[in-house]
Amino acid sequence: MGCATGTIKYSLFLFNALWAILGILVLIFGGLGWGAMPDSYAIGILVLGGIILVISLFGCCGAVRESPRMLWTYATLLLILLLLIVAFIILNPKDVFKKYALQTVENQWELEQTKPGSMDIIQKTYYCCGRDSAQDYLDIKFWNNTVPSSCCKDDSCVNPLNLYLRGCLEKVEEAFADEATTLGYLEWGLLGFNAAILLLAIILAIHYTNRRRRYNY
């Protein structure tokens, strides 16, 4: 059992290291994505990243000290997190990022009517022009039958071929077409990884619990 226990122990270390890295990446994603998603969603992602990071550190301490109590606590936390992930997968609204991006386009286009230039960042990001097409700018007197430079490749509209003809709503729809599939892979991957670590933690906790009982005899 010694060799097997050692293998499980160091496997748990490895998985916890990966788990900690994942927690850091989730925190970075939540931080960088602030403003590109609903605030409540961003806060949830940051909280999830923090929880993953704290749990991973707790697991490492339990394995190093070979403490049954810490390992059982660690396993309990992992189980709670597992249930939260399952609840998130079931209750998570679909196309959150796409809907938020589409609403941002709508809001910025409304603002463009009174504050020209409001669409610049979106148009440069998605290589698009106007809400539905470049034709939309013909209805805005400020542009006098022209389009902003952000509607053109390299901000140069001298060459008509540089003009982005497609609207931003269409380009955003296209950019987020695979959102549901990508998030599905991430969610189930996170769930599977959590389940694997939970199994290792339970096995190690059972072993150290039994060993302590034997020593007490």
N, C-alpha and C. Protein backbone atom coordinates (compact mmCIF):
# COMPACT_ATOMS: atom_id res chain seq x y z
N MET A 1 0.83 -1.21 0.00
CA MET A 1 0.00 0.00 0.00
C MET A 1 0.86 1.26 0.00
N GLY A 2 2.11 1.13 0.49
CA GLY A 2 2.97 2.29 0.56
C GLY A 2 3.26 2.90 -0.79
N CYS A 3 3.59 2.05 -1.77
CA CYS A 3 3.88 2.53 -3.11
C CYS A 3 2.64 3.16 -3.75
N ALA A 4 1.50 2.47 -3.57
CA ALA A 4 0.25 2.98 -4.13
C ALA A 4 -0.14 4.30 -3.48
N THR A 5 0.04 4.36 -2.17
CA THR A 5 -0.31 5.59 -1.44
C THR A 5 0.57 6.76 -1.90
N GLY A 6 1.87 6.46 -2.08
CA GLY A 6 2.78 7.49 -2.56
C GLY A 6 2.39 7.99 -3.94
N THR A 7 1.98 7.05 -4.79
CA THR A 7 1.55 7.44 -6.15
C THR A 7 0.33 8.34 -6.09
N ILE A 8 -0.65 7.95 -5.25
CA ILE A 8 -1.87 8.75 -5.11
C ILE A 8 -1.56 10.12 -4.53
N LYS A 9 -0.65 10.13 -3.52
CA LYS A 9 -0.29 11.38 -2.86
C LYS A 9 0.33 12.36 -3.85
N TYR A 10 1.31 11.89 -4.62
CA TYR A 10 1.98 12.79 -5.56
C TYR A 10 1.08 13.12 -6.76
N SER A 11 0.17 12.20 -7.11
CA SER A 11 -0.81 12.51 -8.15
C SER A 11 -1.71 13.65 -7.68
N LEU A 12 -2.08 13.60 -6.39
CA LEU A 12 -2.91 14.66 -5.82
C LEU A 12 -2.17 15.98 -5.84
N PHE A 13 -0.86 15.94 -5.53
CA PHE A 13 -0.04 17.15 -5.62
C PHE A 13 -0.09 17.73 -7.03
N LEU A 14 0.11 16.85 -8.03
CA LEU A 14 0.13 17.29 -9.42
C LEU A 14 -1.22 17.88 -9.82
N PHE A 15 -2.28 17.17 -9.49
CA PHE A 15 -3.62 17.66 -9.84
C PHE A 15 -3.93 18.97 -9.13
N ASN A 16 -3.46 19.08 -7.88
CA ASN A 16 -3.70 20.33 -7.14
C ASN A 16 -2.93 21.50 -7.75
N ALA A 17 -1.72 21.21 -8.23
CA ALA A 17 -0.95 22.26 -8.90
C ALA A 17 -1.69 22.74 -10.15
N LEU A 18 -2.21 21.78 -10.93
CA LEU A 18 -2.99 22.13 -12.12
C LEU A 18 -4.28 22.85 -11.74
N TRP A 19 -4.87 22.40 -10.63
CA TRP A 19 -6.11 23.01 -10.13
C TRP A 19 -5.86 24.46 -9.74
N ALA A 20 -4.69 24.72 -9.08
CA ALA A 20 -4.32 26.08 -8.69
C ALA A 20 -4.10 26.96 -9.91
N ILE A 21 -3.40 26.40 -10.91
CA ILE A 21 -3.17 27.14 -12.16
C ILE A 21 -4.49 27.48 -12.82
N LEU A 22 -5.41 26.50 -12.82
CA LEU A 22 -6.73 26.74 -13.40
C LEU A 22 -7.45 27.86 -12.65
N GLY A 23 -7.35 27.85 -11.32
CA GLY A 23 -7.97 28.92 -10.53
C GLY A 23 -7.41 30.29 -10.90
N ILE A 24 -6.09 30.37 -11.09
CA ILE A 24 -5.46 31.63 -11.48
C ILE A 24 -5.94 32.07 -12.86
N LEU A 25 -6.04 31.11 -13.80
CA LEU A 25 -6.51 31.43 -15.14
C LEU A 25 -7.95 31.92 -15.13
N VAL A 26 -8.77 31.30 -14.28
CA VAL A 26 -10.17 31.73 -14.15
C VAL A 26 -10.23 33.16 -13.61
N LEU A 27 -9.37 33.47 -12.63
CA LEU A 27 -9.31 34.83 -12.09
C LEU A 27 -8.90 35.83 -13.16
N ILE A 28 -7.89 35.46 -13.95
CA ILE A 28 -7.42 36.34 -15.03
C ILE A 28 -8.53 36.55 -16.06
N PHE A 29 -9.22 35.46 -16.41
CA PHE A 29 -10.31 35.55 -17.38
C PHE A 29 -11.42 36.47 -16.87
N GLY A 30 -11.77 36.31 -15.60
CA GLY A 30 -12.81 37.16 -15.02
C GLY A 30 -12.40 38.62 -14.98
N GLY A 31 -11.11 38.86 -14.68
CA GLY A 31 -10.62 40.24 -14.63
C GLY A 31 -10.56 40.89 -16.00
N LEU A 32 -9.99 40.17 -16.97
CA LEU A 32 -9.86 40.71 -18.33
C LEU A 32 -11.22 40.83 -19.01
N GLY A 33 -12.14 39.94 -18.63
CA GLY A 33 -13.46 39.96 -19.27
C GLY A 33 -14.42 40.95 -18.66
N TRP A 34 -13.97 41.68 -17.63
CA TRP A 34 -14.85 42.66 -16.99
C TRP A 34 -15.24 43.73 -18.02
N GLY A 35 -16.51 43.92 -18.22
CA GLY A 35 -16.98 44.87 -19.22
C GLY A 35 -17.41 44.18 -20.51
N ALA A 36 -16.94 42.93 -20.71
CA ALA A 36 -17.33 42.17 -21.89
C ALA A 36 -18.40 41.14 -21.56
N MET A 37 -18.89 41.19 -20.33
CA MET A 37 -19.92 40.28 -19.86
C MET A 37 -20.69 40.98 -18.75
N PRO A 38 -21.88 40.49 -18.38
CA PRO A 38 -22.60 41.10 -17.27
C PRO A 38 -21.76 41.10 -16.00
N ASP A 39 -21.86 42.17 -15.21
CA ASP A 39 -21.05 42.30 -14.00
C ASP A 39 -21.26 41.12 -13.04
N SER A 40 -22.51 40.67 -12.91
CA SER A 40 -22.80 39.55 -12.00
C SER A 40 -22.09 38.28 -12.46
N TYR A 41 -22.00 38.11 -13.78
CA TYR A 41 -21.32 36.94 -14.33
C TYR A 41 -19.82 37.03 -14.07
N ALA A 42 -19.26 38.22 -14.27
CA ALA A 42 -17.82 38.43 -14.03
C ALA A 42 -17.48 38.20 -12.57
N ILE A 43 -18.33 38.70 -11.66
CA ILE A 43 -18.10 38.51 -10.23
C ILE A 43 -18.15 37.03 -9.88
N GLY A 44 -19.12 36.31 -10.47
CA GLY A 44 -19.23 34.87 -10.24
C GLY A 44 -17.99 34.13 -10.67
N ILE A 45 -17.43 34.51 -11.83
CA ILE A 45 -16.21 33.87 -12.34
C ILE A 45 -15.03 34.16 -11.42
N LEU A 46 -14.92 35.40 -10.94
CA LEU A 46 -13.83 35.75 -10.03
C LEU A 46 -13.94 34.98 -8.71
N VAL A 47 -15.16 34.85 -8.21
CA VAL A 47 -15.38 34.09 -6.96
C VAL A 47 -15.03 32.63 -7.17
N LEU A 48 -15.43 32.07 -8.33
CA LEU A 48 -15.10 30.67 -8.64
C LEU A 48 -13.59 30.46 -8.69
N GLY A 49 -12.88 31.38 -9.36
CA GLY A 49 -11.43 31.27 -9.44
C GLY A 49 -10.78 31.33 -8.07
N GLY A 50 -11.27 32.23 -7.21
CA GLY A 50 -10.73 32.34 -5.85
C GLY A 50 -10.98 31.08 -5.04
N ILE A 51 -12.18 30.51 -5.18
CA ILE A 51 -12.52 29.28 -4.45
C ILE A 51 -11.63 28.13 -4.89
N ILE A 52 -11.45 27.99 -6.20
CA ILE A 52 -10.60 26.91 -6.73
C ILE A 52 -9.18 27.05 -6.19
N LEU A 53 -8.66 28.27 -6.19
CA LEU A 53 -7.29 28.51 -5.72
C LEU A 53 -7.14 28.18 -4.24
N VAL A 54 -8.08 28.62 -3.42
CA VAL A 54 -8.02 28.37 -1.98
C VAL A 54 -8.14 26.88 -1.68
N ILE A 55 -9.07 26.20 -2.36
CA ILE A 55 -9.26 24.76 -2.14
C ILE A 55 -8.02 23.98 -2.52
N SER A 56 -7.37 24.37 -3.63
CA SER A 56 -6.17 23.66 -4.07
C SER A 56 -5.05 23.79 -3.03
N LEU A 57 -4.89 24.98 -2.45
CA LEU A 57 -3.86 25.18 -1.42
C LEU A 57 -4.19 24.36 -0.17
N PHE A 58 -5.45 24.29 0.17
CA PHE A 58 -5.88 23.51 1.32
C PHE A 58 -5.58 22.03 1.10
N GLY A 59 -5.81 21.55 -0.12
CA GLY A 59 -5.52 20.15 -0.45
C GLY A 59 -4.05 19.83 -0.35
N CYS A 60 -3.21 20.73 -0.81
CA CYS A 60 -1.76 20.51 -0.73
C CYS A 60 -1.31 20.41 0.73
N CYS A 61 -1.85 21.29 1.58
CA CYS A 61 -1.49 21.26 3.00
C CYS A 61 -1.92 19.94 3.64
N GLY A 62 -3.11 19.46 3.29
CA GLY A 62 -3.61 18.21 3.85
C GLY A 62 -2.76 17.03 3.44
N ALA A 63 -2.33 17.02 2.18
CA ALA A 63 -1.50 15.92 1.69
C ALA A 63 -0.10 15.96 2.32
N VAL A 64 0.48 17.15 2.47
CA VAL A 64 1.81 17.28 3.05
C VAL A 64 1.80 16.84 4.52
N ARG A 65 0.80 17.24 5.25
CA ARG A 65 0.73 16.92 6.68
C ARG A 65 0.15 15.53 6.92
N GLU A 66 -0.35 14.92 5.83
CA GLU A 66 -0.96 13.59 5.93
C GLU A 66 -2.04 13.59 7.01
N SER A 67 -2.83 14.65 7.00
CA SER A 67 -3.86 14.85 8.01
C SER A 67 -5.22 14.36 7.49
N PRO A 68 -5.78 13.33 8.09
CA PRO A 68 -7.11 12.85 7.66
C PRO A 68 -8.17 13.93 7.77
N ARG A 69 -8.11 14.72 8.85
CA ARG A 69 -9.12 15.75 9.06
C ARG A 69 -9.08 16.79 7.94
N MET A 70 -7.88 17.23 7.60
CA MET A 70 -7.75 18.23 6.54
C MET A 70 -8.17 17.64 5.19
N LEU A 71 -7.82 16.39 4.97
CA LEU A 71 -8.17 15.76 3.69
C LEU A 71 -9.68 15.55 3.57
N TRP A 72 -10.33 15.18 4.67
CA TRP A 72 -11.78 15.03 4.63
C TRP A 72 -12.46 16.39 4.43
N THR A 73 -11.91 17.41 5.07
CA THR A 73 -12.44 18.76 4.85
C THR A 73 -12.26 19.18 3.41
N TYR A 74 -11.08 18.86 2.89
CA TYR A 74 -10.77 19.16 1.49
C TYR A 74 -11.74 18.44 0.56
N ALA A 75 -11.98 17.15 0.82
CA ALA A 75 -12.91 16.37 0.00
C ALA A 75 -14.32 16.94 0.07
N THR A 76 -14.71 17.39 1.26
CA THR A 76 -16.04 17.99 1.43
C THR A 76 -16.18 19.27 0.61
N LEU A 77 -15.14 20.10 0.65
CA LEU A 77 -15.15 21.34 -0.14
C LEU A 77 -15.22 21.04 -1.64
N LEU A 78 -14.47 20.01 -2.06
CA LEU A 78 -14.50 19.62 -3.46
C LEU A 78 -15.89 19.12 -3.86
N LEU A 79 -16.53 18.38 -2.97
CA LEU A 79 -17.88 17.88 -3.25
C LEU A 79 -18.87 19.03 -3.37
N ILE A 80 -18.75 20.00 -2.48
CA ILE A 80 -19.63 21.18 -2.55
C ILE A 80 -19.41 21.92 -3.86
N LEU A 81 -18.12 22.09 -4.23
CA LEU A 81 -17.80 22.76 -5.49
C LEU A 81 -18.34 21.97 -6.68
N LEU A 82 -18.24 20.65 -6.59
CA LEU A 82 -18.76 19.79 -7.66
C LEU A 82 -20.26 20.01 -7.85
N LEU A 83 -20.99 20.06 -6.74
CA LEU A 83 -22.44 20.27 -6.80
C LEU A 83 -22.77 21.66 -7.34
N LEU A 84 -21.95 22.66 -6.99
CA LEU A 84 -22.16 24.01 -7.51
C LEU A 84 -21.93 24.06 -9.01
N ILE A 85 -20.91 23.34 -9.48
CA ILE A 85 -20.64 23.30 -10.92
C ILE A 85 -21.79 22.63 -11.67
N VAL A 86 -22.30 21.53 -11.10
CA VAL A 86 -23.45 20.84 -11.71
C VAL A 86 -24.65 21.78 -11.78
N ALA A 87 -24.91 22.50 -10.68
CA ALA A 87 -26.03 23.45 -10.65
C ALA A 87 -25.83 24.55 -11.68
N PHE A 88 -24.58 25.01 -11.81
CA PHE A 88 -24.27 26.06 -12.79
C PHE A 88 -24.53 25.56 -14.21
N ILE A 89 -24.11 24.32 -14.51
CA ILE A 89 -24.30 23.76 -15.84
C ILE A 89 -25.80 23.66 -16.17
N ILE A 90 -26.59 23.27 -15.17
CA ILE A 90 -28.03 23.08 -15.39
C ILE A 90 -28.76 24.43 -15.51
N LEU A 91 -28.40 25.38 -14.63
CA LEU A 91 -29.14 26.64 -14.55
C LEU A 91 -28.54 27.76 -15.39
N ASN A 92 -27.32 27.59 -15.87
CA ASN A 92 -26.64 28.65 -16.60
C ASN A 92 -27.41 29.04 -17.86
N PRO A 93 -27.80 30.32 -17.99
CA PRO A 93 -28.48 30.77 -19.21
C PRO A 93 -27.56 30.65 -20.42
N LYS A 94 -28.14 30.34 -21.56
CA LYS A 94 -27.35 30.13 -22.76
C LYS A 94 -26.99 31.46 -23.45
N ASP A 95 -25.89 31.44 -24.16
CA ASP A 95 -25.44 32.56 -25.00
C ASP A 95 -25.32 33.87 -24.21
N VAL A 96 -24.81 33.78 -22.99
CA VAL A 96 -24.67 34.98 -22.15
C VAL A 96 -23.76 36.01 -22.81
N PHE A 97 -22.60 35.57 -23.29
CA PHE A 97 -21.63 36.50 -23.86
C PHE A 97 -22.15 37.10 -25.17
N LYS A 98 -22.78 36.25 -25.99
CA LYS A 98 -23.29 36.74 -27.28
C LYS A 98 -24.40 37.77 -27.06
N LYS A 99 -25.33 37.46 -26.16
CA LYS A 99 -26.43 38.38 -25.90
C LYS A 99 -25.91 39.71 -25.34
N TYR A 100 -24.89 39.62 -24.48
CA TYR A 100 -24.32 40.84 -23.91
C TYR A 100 -23.63 41.67 -25.00
N ALA A 101 -22.90 40.98 -25.88
CA ALA A 101 -22.20 41.68 -26.97
C ALA A 101 -23.19 42.32 -27.94
N LEU A 102 -24.27 41.60 -28.26
CA LEU A 102 -25.29 42.15 -29.16
C LEU A 102 -25.96 43.37 -28.54
N GLN A 103 -26.25 43.29 -27.25
CA GLN A 103 -26.87 44.43 -26.57
C GLN A 103 -25.92 45.62 -26.52
N THR A 104 -24.62 45.33 -26.38
CA THR A 104 -23.62 46.41 -26.39
C THR A 104 -23.61 47.12 -27.73
N VAL A 105 -23.71 46.34 -28.81
CA VAL A 105 -23.77 46.93 -30.16
C VAL A 105 -25.00 47.83 -30.26
N GLU A 106 -26.14 47.33 -29.81
CA GLU A 106 -27.37 48.11 -29.87
C GLU A 106 -27.23 49.42 -29.07
N ASN A 107 -26.67 49.33 -27.88
CA ASN A 107 -26.51 50.51 -27.03
C ASN A 107 -25.56 51.52 -27.64
N GLN A 108 -24.43 51.03 -28.17
CA GLN A 108 -23.44 51.93 -28.76
C GLN A 108 -23.96 52.56 -30.05
N TRP A 109 -24.77 51.80 -30.79
CA TRP A 109 -25.32 52.37 -32.02
C TRP A 109 -26.31 53.50 -31.70
N GLU A 110 -27.11 53.32 -30.63
CA GLU A 110 -28.01 54.38 -30.18
C GLU A 110 -27.21 55.61 -29.78
N LEU A 111 -26.09 55.37 -29.09
CA LEU A 111 -25.23 56.47 -28.65
C LEU A 111 -24.56 57.15 -29.84
N GLU A 112 -24.30 56.38 -30.88
CA GLU A 112 -23.65 56.93 -32.09
C GLU A 112 -24.47 58.04 -32.72
N GLN A 113 -25.78 57.99 -32.54
CA GLN A 113 -26.66 58.99 -33.15
C GLN A 113 -26.39 60.39 -32.59
N THR A 114 -26.02 60.45 -31.32
CA THR A 114 -25.80 61.75 -30.67
C THR A 114 -24.33 61.99 -30.32
N LYS A 115 -23.56 60.92 -30.27
CA LYS A 115 -22.14 61.05 -29.92
C LYS A 115 -21.31 60.26 -30.94
N PRO A 116 -21.04 60.84 -32.09
CA PRO A 116 -20.28 60.14 -33.14
C PRO A 116 -18.94 59.62 -32.63
N GLY A 117 -18.62 58.41 -33.04
CA GLY A 117 -17.38 57.77 -32.60
C GLY A 117 -17.61 56.69 -31.57
N SER A 118 -18.85 56.58 -31.08
CA SER A 118 -19.16 55.60 -30.04
C SER A 118 -19.00 54.16 -30.53
N MET A 119 -19.10 53.97 -31.84
CA MET A 119 -19.00 52.61 -32.41
C MET A 119 -17.58 52.23 -32.80
N ASP A 120 -16.63 53.15 -32.62
CA ASP A 120 -15.27 52.92 -33.15
C ASP A 120 -14.64 51.63 -32.61
N ILE A 121 -14.67 51.42 -31.30
CA ILE A 121 -14.01 50.26 -30.71
C ILE A 121 -14.64 48.96 -31.23
N ILE A 122 -15.97 48.93 -31.29
CA ILE A 122 -16.66 47.73 -31.78
C ILE A 122 -16.30 47.47 -33.23
N GLN A 123 -16.30 48.50 -34.03
CA GLN A 123 -16.03 48.34 -35.46
C GLN A 123 -14.59 47.90 -35.73
N LYS A 124 -13.68 48.38 -34.93
CA LYS A 124 -12.29 47.96 -35.08
C LYS A 124 -12.08 46.54 -34.58
N THR A 125 -12.84 46.16 -33.56
CA THR A 125 -12.70 44.82 -32.99
C THR A 125 -13.26 43.74 -33.90
N TYR A 126 -14.44 44.02 -34.46
CA TYR A 126 -15.13 42.98 -35.24
C TYR A 126 -15.03 43.20 -36.76
N TYR A 127 -14.28 44.25 -37.18
CA TYR A 127 -14.12 44.55 -38.60
C TYR A 127 -15.48 44.67 -39.29
N CYS A 128 -16.30 45.56 -38.72
CA CYS A 128 -17.65 45.75 -39.22
C CYS A 128 -17.94 47.23 -39.37
N CYS A 129 -19.14 47.54 -39.87
CA CYS A 129 -19.49 48.95 -40.06
C CYS A 129 -20.99 49.14 -39.85
N GLY A 130 -21.34 49.98 -38.92
CA GLY A 130 -22.74 50.25 -38.67
C GLY A 130 -23.43 49.14 -37.89
N ARG A 131 -24.72 49.36 -37.63
CA ARG A 131 -25.49 48.34 -36.90
C ARG A 131 -25.75 47.13 -37.79
N ASP A 132 -26.34 47.40 -38.97
CA ASP A 132 -26.66 46.32 -39.91
C ASP A 132 -25.77 46.31 -41.14
N SER A 133 -25.25 47.48 -41.51
CA SER A 133 -24.33 47.59 -42.65
C SER A 133 -23.77 49.01 -42.69
N ALA A 134 -22.84 49.24 -43.60
CA ALA A 134 -22.26 50.58 -43.74
C ALA A 134 -23.32 51.59 -44.17
N GLN A 135 -24.38 51.11 -44.78
CA GLN A 135 -25.47 51.97 -45.24
C GLN A 135 -26.11 52.75 -44.08
N ASP A 136 -26.00 52.20 -42.87
CA ASP A 136 -26.62 52.85 -41.71
C ASP A 136 -26.12 54.27 -41.49
N TYR A 137 -24.87 54.54 -41.86
CA TYR A 137 -24.29 55.86 -41.61
C TYR A 137 -24.87 56.94 -42.51
N LEU A 138 -25.54 56.53 -43.60
CA LEU A 138 -26.16 57.51 -44.49
C LEU A 138 -27.32 58.23 -43.81
N ASP A 139 -27.85 57.61 -42.75
CA ASP A 139 -28.97 58.21 -42.03
C ASP A 139 -28.53 59.15 -40.91
N ILE A 140 -27.21 59.27 -40.71
CA ILE A 140 -26.69 60.16 -39.67
C ILE A 140 -26.10 61.40 -40.33
N LYS A 141 -26.72 62.54 -40.08
CA LYS A 141 -26.31 63.78 -40.77
C LYS A 141 -24.86 64.16 -40.49
N PHE A 142 -24.39 63.84 -39.29
CA PHE A 142 -23.03 64.23 -38.92
C PHE A 142 -22.00 63.72 -39.92
N TRP A 143 -22.22 62.50 -40.45
CA TRP A 143 -21.23 61.88 -41.33
C TRP A 143 -21.36 62.32 -42.78
N ASN A 144 -22.42 63.04 -43.11
CA ASN A 144 -22.56 63.66 -44.44
C ASN A 144 -22.26 62.66 -45.57
N ASN A 145 -22.98 61.53 -45.53
CA ASN A 145 -22.86 60.48 -46.56
C ASN A 145 -21.48 59.84 -46.61
N THR A 146 -20.77 59.87 -45.49
CA THR A 146 -19.48 59.17 -45.40
C THR A 146 -19.56 58.19 -44.21
N VAL A 147 -18.48 57.52 -43.96
CA VAL A 147 -18.41 56.61 -42.82
C VAL A 147 -17.17 56.95 -42.00
N PRO A 148 -17.14 56.61 -40.70
CA PRO A 148 -15.95 56.87 -39.89
C PRO A 148 -14.78 55.99 -40.33
N SER A 149 -13.59 56.41 -40.02
CA SER A 149 -12.39 55.66 -40.42
C SER A 149 -12.36 54.27 -39.80
N SER A 150 -13.03 54.09 -38.66
CA SER A 150 -13.05 52.77 -38.02
C SER A 150 -13.81 51.74 -38.84
N CYS A 151 -14.51 52.20 -39.87
CA CYS A 151 -15.25 51.29 -40.75
C CYS A 151 -14.36 50.73 -41.86
N CYS A 152 -13.10 51.13 -41.85
CA CYS A 152 -12.22 50.74 -42.95
C CYS A 152 -10.94 50.07 -42.44
N LYS A 153 -10.39 49.22 -43.25
CA LYS A 153 -9.15 48.53 -42.93
C LYS A 153 -8.04 49.55 -42.74
N ASP A 154 -7.26 49.39 -41.67
CA ASP A 154 -6.15 50.28 -41.34
C ASP A 154 -6.60 51.73 -41.18
N ASP A 155 -7.87 51.95 -40.85
CA ASP A 155 -8.44 53.29 -40.66
C ASP A 155 -8.29 54.17 -41.89
N SER A 156 -8.22 53.54 -43.06
CA SER A 156 -8.06 54.30 -44.30
C SER A 156 -9.22 53.99 -45.23
N CYS A 157 -10.06 55.00 -45.47
CA CYS A 157 -11.22 54.83 -46.34
C CYS A 157 -10.99 55.42 -47.72
N VAL A 158 -9.74 55.81 -48.01
CA VAL A 158 -9.44 56.37 -49.33
C VAL A 158 -9.73 55.34 -50.41
N ASN A 159 -9.31 54.10 -50.13
CA ASN A 159 -9.59 53.00 -51.06
C ASN A 159 -10.94 52.38 -50.69
N PRO A 160 -11.94 52.45 -51.57
CA PRO A 160 -13.28 51.89 -51.27
C PRO A 160 -13.24 50.41 -50.91
N LEU A 161 -12.22 49.70 -51.39
CA LEU A 161 -12.12 48.28 -51.10
C LEU A 161 -11.81 48.00 -49.63
N ASN A 162 -11.35 49.04 -48.92
CA ASN A 162 -11.03 48.88 -47.50
C ASN A 162 -12.27 48.90 -46.60
N LEU A 163 -13.40 49.28 -47.17
CA LEU A 163 -14.62 49.45 -46.38
C LEU A 163 -15.18 48.10 -45.92
N TYR A 164 -15.50 48.02 -44.60
CA TYR A 164 -16.18 46.83 -44.08
C TYR A 164 -17.67 46.97 -44.42
N LEU A 165 -18.19 46.04 -45.18
CA LEU A 165 -19.56 46.14 -45.66
C LEU A 165 -20.58 45.52 -44.69
N ARG A 166 -20.12 44.58 -43.90
CA ARG A 166 -21.06 43.87 -43.02
C ARG A 166 -21.29 44.61 -41.71
N GLY A 167 -22.53 44.53 -41.22
CA GLY A 167 -22.89 45.21 -39.98
C GLY A 167 -22.34 44.51 -38.75
N CYS A 168 -22.31 45.23 -37.64
CA CYS A 168 -21.70 44.70 -36.43
C CYS A 168 -22.56 43.63 -35.75
N LEU A 169 -23.87 43.73 -35.87
CA LEU A 169 -24.73 42.69 -35.30
C LEU A 169 -24.44 41.33 -35.95
N GLU A 170 -24.31 41.34 -37.25
CA GLU A 170 -24.02 40.10 -37.98
C GLU A 170 -22.65 39.54 -37.61
N LYS A 171 -21.66 40.42 -37.50
CA LYS A 171 -20.30 39.98 -37.18
C LYS A 171 -20.21 39.44 -35.74
N VAL A 172 -20.95 40.06 -34.83
CA VAL A 172 -20.95 39.57 -33.44
C VAL A 172 -21.62 38.20 -33.38
N GLU A 173 -22.73 38.04 -34.08
CA GLU A 173 -23.39 36.74 -34.15
C GLU A 173 -22.43 35.67 -34.64
N GLU A 174 -21.66 36.01 -35.64
CA GLU A 174 -20.70 35.08 -36.22
C GLU A 174 -19.56 34.77 -35.24
N ALA A 175 -19.09 35.81 -34.55
CA ALA A 175 -17.96 35.64 -33.62
C ALA A 175 -18.32 34.73 -32.45
N PHE A 176 -19.59 34.76 -32.02
CA PHE A 176 -20.01 33.97 -30.86
C PHE A 176 -20.83 32.75 -31.25
N ALA A 177 -20.72 32.34 -32.51
CA ALA A 177 -21.51 31.20 -33.00
C ALA A 177 -21.22 29.91 -32.23
N ASP A 178 -19.96 29.74 -31.81
CA ASP A 178 -19.56 28.50 -31.12
C ASP A 178 -19.52 28.65 -29.60
N GLU A 179 -20.12 29.71 -29.07
CA GLU A 179 -20.05 29.96 -27.63
C GLU A 179 -20.60 28.79 -26.81
N ALA A 180 -21.78 28.30 -27.19
CA ALA A 180 -22.41 27.23 -26.40
C ALA A 180 -21.55 25.97 -26.38
N THR A 181 -20.98 25.61 -27.54
CA THR A 181 -20.14 24.41 -27.62
C THR A 181 -18.87 24.57 -26.80
N THR A 182 -18.21 25.72 -26.95
CA THR A 182 -16.96 25.98 -26.22
C THR A 182 -17.19 25.97 -24.72
N LEU A 183 -18.23 26.68 -24.26
CA LEU A 183 -18.52 26.71 -22.83
C LEU A 183 -18.91 25.33 -22.31
N GLY A 184 -19.59 24.55 -23.15
CA GLY A 184 -19.96 23.20 -22.76
C GLY A 184 -18.74 22.35 -22.48
N TYR A 185 -17.76 22.41 -23.38
CA TYR A 185 -16.51 21.66 -23.18
C TYR A 185 -15.81 22.11 -21.90
N LEU A 186 -15.76 23.44 -21.66
CA LEU A 186 -15.09 23.97 -20.48
C LEU A 186 -15.79 23.53 -19.19
N GLU A 187 -17.12 23.60 -19.21
CA GLU A 187 -17.88 23.24 -18.01
C GLU A 187 -17.73 21.77 -17.67
N TRP A 188 -17.86 20.89 -18.67
CA TRP A 188 -17.75 19.45 -18.41
C TRP A 188 -16.31 19.05 -18.12
N GLY A 189 -15.35 19.77 -18.72
CA GLY A 189 -13.94 19.52 -18.39
C GLY A 189 -13.65 19.87 -16.94
N LEU A 190 -14.17 21.01 -16.50
CA LEU A 190 -14.00 21.44 -15.11
C LEU A 190 -14.65 20.44 -14.16
N LEU A 191 -15.82 19.97 -14.54
CA LEU A 191 -16.54 19.00 -13.71
C LEU A 191 -15.75 17.69 -13.59
N GLY A 192 -15.24 17.19 -14.72
CA GLY A 192 -14.48 15.94 -14.71
C GLY A 192 -13.19 16.05 -13.92
N PHE A 193 -12.52 17.20 -14.05
CA PHE A 193 -11.26 17.42 -13.33
C PHE A 193 -11.52 17.46 -11.83
N ASN A 194 -12.60 18.15 -11.45
CA ASN A 194 -12.98 18.22 -10.04
C ASN A 194 -13.29 16.83 -9.50
N ALA A 195 -14.02 16.03 -10.27
CA ALA A 195 -14.38 14.68 -9.83
C ALA A 195 -13.15 13.80 -9.65
N ALA A 196 -12.15 13.94 -10.54
CA ALA A 196 -10.92 13.14 -10.45
C ALA A 196 -10.15 13.49 -9.18
N ILE A 197 -10.03 14.78 -8.89
CA ILE A 197 -9.32 15.20 -7.68
C ILE A 197 -10.07 14.75 -6.43
N LEU A 198 -11.40 14.84 -6.48
CA LEU A 198 -12.22 14.41 -5.35
C LEU A 198 -12.00 12.93 -5.05
N LEU A 199 -11.93 12.12 -6.09
CA LEU A 199 -11.70 10.68 -5.91
C LEU A 199 -10.35 10.41 -5.26
N LEU A 200 -9.30 11.09 -5.74
CA LEU A 200 -7.97 10.93 -5.15
C LEU A 200 -7.95 11.37 -3.69
N ALA A 201 -8.62 12.48 -3.41
CA ALA A 201 -8.65 13.00 -2.04
C ALA A 201 -9.36 12.03 -1.10
N ILE A 202 -10.45 11.44 -1.55
CA ILE A 202 -11.19 10.49 -0.71
C ILE A 202 -10.35 9.24 -0.45
N ILE A 203 -9.68 8.72 -1.49
CA ILE A 203 -8.84 7.53 -1.32
C ILE A 203 -7.73 7.80 -0.31
N LEU A 204 -7.08 8.96 -0.45
CA LEU A 204 -5.98 9.30 0.44
C LEU A 204 -6.49 9.54 1.87
N ALA A 205 -7.64 10.18 1.99
CA ALA A 205 -8.21 10.44 3.31
C ALA A 205 -8.57 9.13 4.02
N ILE A 206 -9.15 8.19 3.27
CA ILE A 206 -9.49 6.89 3.85
C ILE A 206 -8.24 6.15 4.32
N HIS A 207 -7.17 6.20 3.49
CA HIS A 207 -5.92 5.53 3.87
C HIS A 207 -5.33 6.10 5.14
N TYR A 208 -5.23 7.44 5.23
CA TYR A 208 -4.63 8.05 6.42
C TYR A 208 -5.53 7.88 7.65
N THR A 209 -6.84 7.84 7.44
CA THR A 209 -7.75 7.59 8.56
C THR A 209 -7.55 6.19 9.12
N ASN A 210 -7.46 5.20 8.22
CA ASN A 210 -7.24 3.81 8.65
C ASN A 210 -5.87 3.64 9.31
N ARG A 211 -4.87 4.33 8.79
CA ARG A 211 -3.52 4.23 9.37
C ARG A 211 -3.50 4.81 10.78
N ARG A 212 -4.21 5.92 10.98
CA ARG A 212 -4.26 6.51 12.33
C ARG A 212 -4.96 5.57 13.30
N ARG A 213 -6.01 4.91 12.84
CA ARG A 213 -6.72 3.96 13.71
C ARG A 213 -5.82 2.80 14.12
N ARG A 214 -5.04 2.32 13.17
CA ARG A 214 -4.12 1.22 13.48
C ARG A 214 -3.08 1.65 14.52
N TYR A 215 -2.57 2.89 14.37
CA TYR A 215 -1.59 3.38 15.33
C TYR A 215 -2.21 3.52 16.71
N ASN A 216 -3.47 3.90 16.77
CA ASN A 216 -4.14 4.07 18.06
C ASN A 216 -4.33 2.73 18.78
N TYR A 217 -4.42 1.65 17.98
CA TYR A 217 -4.52 0.32 18.59
C TYR A 217 -3.15 -0.12 19.14
